[in-house]
C-alpha atoms as a PDB file:
ATOM      1  CA  UNK A   1     -90.788 -70.276 -49.583  1.00  0.00           C
ATOM      2  CA  UNK A   2     -91.919 -70.233 -53.093  1.00  0.00           C
ATOM      3  CA  UNK A   3     -90.176 -67.607 -55.394  1.00  0.00           C
ATOM      4  CA  UNK A   4     -91.575 -66.414 -58.764  1.00  0.00           C
ATOM      5  CA  UNK A   5     -91.129 -63.808 -61.398  1.00  0.00           C
ATOM      6  CA  UNK A   6     -93.728 -61.872 -59.478  1.00  0.00           C
ATOM      7  CA  UNK A   7     -92.615 -58.683 -57.911  1.00  0.00           C
ATOM      8  CA  UNK A   8     -94.141 -59.885 -54.380  1.00  0.00           C
ATOM      9  CA  UNK A   9     -92.316 -62.728 -52.792  1.00  0.00           C
ATOM     10  CA  UNK A  10     -94.839 -65.616 -51.582  1.00  0.00           C
ATOM     11  CA  UNK A  11     -93.686 -66.731 -48.229  1.00  0.00           C
ATOM     12  CA  UNK A  12     -95.423 -69.965 -47.392  1.00  0.00           C
ATOM     13  CA  UNK A  13     -95.744 -70.961 -43.578  1.00  0.00           C
ATOM     14  CA  UNK A  14     -97.120 -74.388 -42.993  1.00  0.00           C
ATOM     15  CA  UNK A  15     -97.204 -77.198 -40.392  1.00  0.00           C
ATOM     16  CA  UNK A  16     -96.371 -76.614 -36.970  1.00  0.00           C
ATOM     17  CA  UNK A  17     -95.188 -72.996 -36.185  1.00  0.00           C
ATOM     18  CA  UNK A  18     -94.430 -73.088 -32.446  1.00  0.00           C
ATOM     19  CA  UNK A  19     -91.429 -72.031 -30.232  1.00  0.00           C
ATOM     20  CA  UNK A  20     -90.041 -75.308 -30.886  1.00  0.00           C
ATOM     21  CA  UNK A  21     -90.025 -74.859 -34.774  1.00  0.00           C
ATOM     22  CA  UNK A  22     -90.120 -71.185 -35.269  1.00  0.00           C
ATOM     23  CA  UNK A  23     -86.406 -70.671 -35.888  1.00  0.00           C
ATOM     24  CA  UNK A  24     -86.470 -72.184 -39.212  1.00  0.00           C
ATOM     25  CA  UNK A  25     -89.331 -69.908 -40.382  1.00  0.00           C
ATOM     26  CA  UNK A  26     -87.341 -66.910 -38.956  1.00  0.00           C
ATOM     27  CA  UNK A  27     -84.287 -67.738 -40.874  1.00  0.00           C
ATOM     28  CA  UNK A  28     -86.392 -67.936 -44.197  1.00  0.00           C
ATOM     29  CA  UNK A  29     -88.235 -64.904 -43.373  1.00  0.00           C
ATOM     30  CA  UNK A  30     -84.895 -62.757 -42.794  1.00  0.00           C
ATOM     31  CA  UNK A  31     -83.543 -64.174 -46.048  1.00  0.00           C
ATOM     32  CA  UNK A  32     -86.651 -63.370 -47.952  1.00  0.00           C
ATOM     33  CA  UNK A  33     -86.780 -59.755 -46.437  1.00  0.00           C
ATOM     34  CA  UNK A  34     -83.291 -59.172 -47.588  1.00  0.00           C
ATOM     35  CA  UNK A  35     -84.038 -60.124 -51.234  1.00  0.00           C
ATOM     36  CA  UNK A  36     -87.219 -58.620 -51.826  1.00  0.00           C
ATOM     37  CA  UNK A  37     -89.383 -55.375 -51.413  1.00  0.00           C
ATOM     38  CA  UNK A  38     -92.720 -56.874 -50.940  1.00  0.00           C
ATOM     39  CA  UNK A  39     -93.565 -60.296 -49.179  1.00  0.00           C
ATOM     40  CA  UNK A  40     -96.991 -61.829 -48.952  1.00  0.00           C
ATOM     41  CA  UNK A  41     -97.333 -64.246 -46.019  1.00  0.00           C
ATOM     42  CA  UNK A  42     -99.584 -67.373 -46.609  1.00  0.00           C
ATOM     43  CA  UNK A  43    -100.417 -68.914 -43.125  1.00  0.00           C
ATOM     44  CA  UNK A  44    -103.501 -71.036 -44.090  1.00  0.00           C
ATOM     45  CA  UNK A  45    -101.747 -74.414 -44.194  1.00  0.00           C
ATOM     46  CA  UNK A  46    -100.392 -73.662 -40.499  1.00  0.00           C
ATOM     47  CA  UNK A  47    -101.701 -76.867 -38.481  1.00  0.00           C
ATOM     48  CA  UNK A  48    -100.447 -75.916 -35.063  1.00  0.00           C
ATOM     49  CA  UNK A  49     -99.265 -72.439 -33.743  1.00  0.00           C
ATOM     50  CA  UNK A  50     -98.554 -70.411 -30.586  1.00  0.00           C
ATOM     51  CA  UNK A  51     -97.543 -66.731 -29.790  1.00  0.00           C
ATOM     52  CA  UNK A  52     -93.999 -67.312 -31.439  1.00  0.00           C
ATOM     53  CA  UNK A  53     -95.559 -67.026 -34.817  1.00  0.00           C
ATOM     54  CA  UNK A  54     -97.548 -64.038 -33.955  1.00  0.00           C
ATOM     55  CA  UNK A  55     -94.341 -62.519 -32.627  1.00  0.00           C
ATOM     56  CA  UNK A  56     -92.267 -63.420 -35.652  1.00  0.00           C
ATOM     57  CA  UNK A  57     -94.918 -61.957 -38.001  1.00  0.00           C
ATOM     58  CA  UNK A  58     -95.254 -58.643 -35.901  1.00  0.00           C
ATOM     59  CA  UNK A  59     -91.392 -58.289 -35.782  1.00  0.00           C
ATOM     60  CA  UNK A  60     -91.115 -58.956 -39.468  1.00  0.00           C
ATOM     61  CA  UNK A  61     -93.895 -56.290 -40.047  1.00  0.00           C
ATOM     62  CA  UNK A  62     -92.139 -53.735 -38.175  1.00  0.00           C
ATOM     63  CA  UNK A  63     -88.827 -54.392 -39.799  1.00  0.00           C
ATOM     64  CA  UNK A  64     -90.452 -54.188 -43.142  1.00  0.00           C
ATOM     65  CA  UNK A  65     -92.027 -50.983 -42.300  1.00  0.00           C
ATOM     66  CA  UNK A  66     -88.736 -49.530 -41.104  1.00  0.00           C
ATOM     67  CA  UNK A  67     -86.962 -50.591 -44.192  1.00  0.00           C
ATOM     68  CA  UNK A  68     -89.693 -49.152 -46.517  1.00  0.00           C
ATOM     69  CA  UNK A  69     -90.785 -52.735 -47.640  1.00  0.00           C
ATOM     70  CA  UNK A  70     -94.092 -54.245 -47.703  1.00  0.00           C
ATOM     71  CA  UNK A  71     -95.078 -57.456 -45.669  1.00  0.00           C
ATOM     72  CA  UNK A  72     -98.760 -58.499 -45.970  1.00  0.00           C
ATOM     73  CA  UNK A  73    -100.971 -61.354 -45.263  1.00  0.00           C
ATOM     74  CA  UNK A  74    -102.279 -63.104 -48.314  1.00  0.00           C
ATOM     75  CA  UNK A  75    -105.618 -63.358 -46.768  1.00  0.00           C
ATOM     76  CA  UNK A  76    -107.299 -62.391 -43.631  1.00  0.00           C
ATOM     77  CA  UNK A  77    -106.328 -64.578 -40.410  1.00  0.00           C
ATOM     78  CA  UNK A  78    -108.701 -67.582 -40.099  1.00  0.00           C
ATOM     79  CA  UNK A  79    -108.933 -70.725 -38.258  1.00  0.00           C
ATOM     80  CA  UNK A  80    -106.396 -71.389 -35.456  1.00  0.00           C
ATOM     81  CA  UNK A  81    -104.519 -68.128 -36.230  1.00  0.00           C
ATOM     82  CA  UNK A  82    -107.602 -66.131 -35.774  1.00  0.00           C
ATOM     83  CA  UNK A  83    -108.424 -67.706 -32.564  1.00  0.00           C
ATOM     84  CA  UNK A  84    -105.001 -67.398 -31.226  1.00  0.00           C
ATOM     85  CA  UNK A  85    -104.984 -63.675 -32.265  1.00  0.00           C
ATOM     86  CA  UNK A  86    -108.317 -63.270 -30.401  1.00  0.00           C
ATOM     87  CA  UNK A  87    -107.435 -64.878 -27.365  1.00  0.00           C
ATOM     88  CA  UNK A  88    -104.116 -62.852 -27.085  1.00  0.00           C
ATOM     89  CA  UNK A  89    -106.046 -59.622 -27.608  1.00  0.00           C
ATOM     90  CA  UNK A  90    -104.469 -58.681 -30.921  1.00  0.00           C
ATOM     91  CA  UNK A  91    -107.923 -58.433 -32.535  1.00  0.00           C
ATOM     92  CA  UNK A  92    -109.039 -55.975 -29.946  1.00  0.00           C
ATOM     93  CA  UNK A  93    -106.063 -53.619 -30.393  1.00  0.00           C
ATOM     94  CA  UNK A  94    -106.719 -50.291 -31.971  1.00  0.00           C
ATOM     95  CA  UNK A  95    -106.774 -50.111 -35.773  1.00  0.00           C
ATOM     96  CA  UNK A  96    -103.713 -48.484 -36.977  1.00  0.00           C
ATOM     97  CA  UNK A  97    -101.412 -50.135 -34.432  1.00  0.00           C
ATOM     98  CA  UNK A  98     -98.871 -52.524 -36.192  1.00  0.00           C
ATOM     99  CA  UNK A  99    -100.481 -55.503 -34.149  1.00  0.00           C
ATOM    100  CA  UNK A 100    -103.951 -54.399 -34.622  1.00  0.00           C
ATOM    101  CA  UNK A 101    -106.991 -55.667 -36.361  1.00  0.00           C
ATOM    102  CA  UNK A 102    -106.330 -53.729 -39.677  1.00  0.00           C
ATOM    103  CA  UNK A 103    -103.335 -55.973 -40.374  1.00  0.00           C
ATOM    104  CA  UNK A 104    -104.597 -59.259 -39.335  1.00  0.00           C
ATOM    105  CA  UNK A 105    -107.932 -59.132 -40.819  1.00  0.00           C
ATOM    106  CA  UNK A 106    -107.318 -57.259 -44.122  1.00  0.00           C
ATOM    107  CA  UNK A 107    -105.214 -59.501 -46.204  1.00  0.00           C
ATOM    108  CA  UNK A 108    -104.247 -58.638 -49.723  1.00  0.00           C
ATOM    109  CA  UNK A 109    -106.969 -60.799 -50.912  1.00  0.00           C
ATOM    110  CA  UNK A 110    -109.718 -59.470 -48.852  1.00  0.00           C
ATOM    111  CA  UNK A 111    -113.008 -58.754 -50.386  1.00  0.00           C
END
């Protein structure tokens, strides 16, 4: 996780993000959410993932919403993340649902 003087906390997820490794990301994300009002998640360097990454991000999004905070993806889901979301049915979810296409495909830097 990189912290900067920006009001938005950049939260980097990289490498393997699977059930075997997700606990470390969870701990870092909880700490970031406690310290910042707005978090931007960067997932593009993730090399391996499973549903635990998707569950972590969705739980964090719900927690942020309840706390009046902002949690966004830096860019729309691509590559392995997009494939996992599609296979698990998250991209077919109704727009407006917290796990739906609007969150995963919008990204803060979307065109």
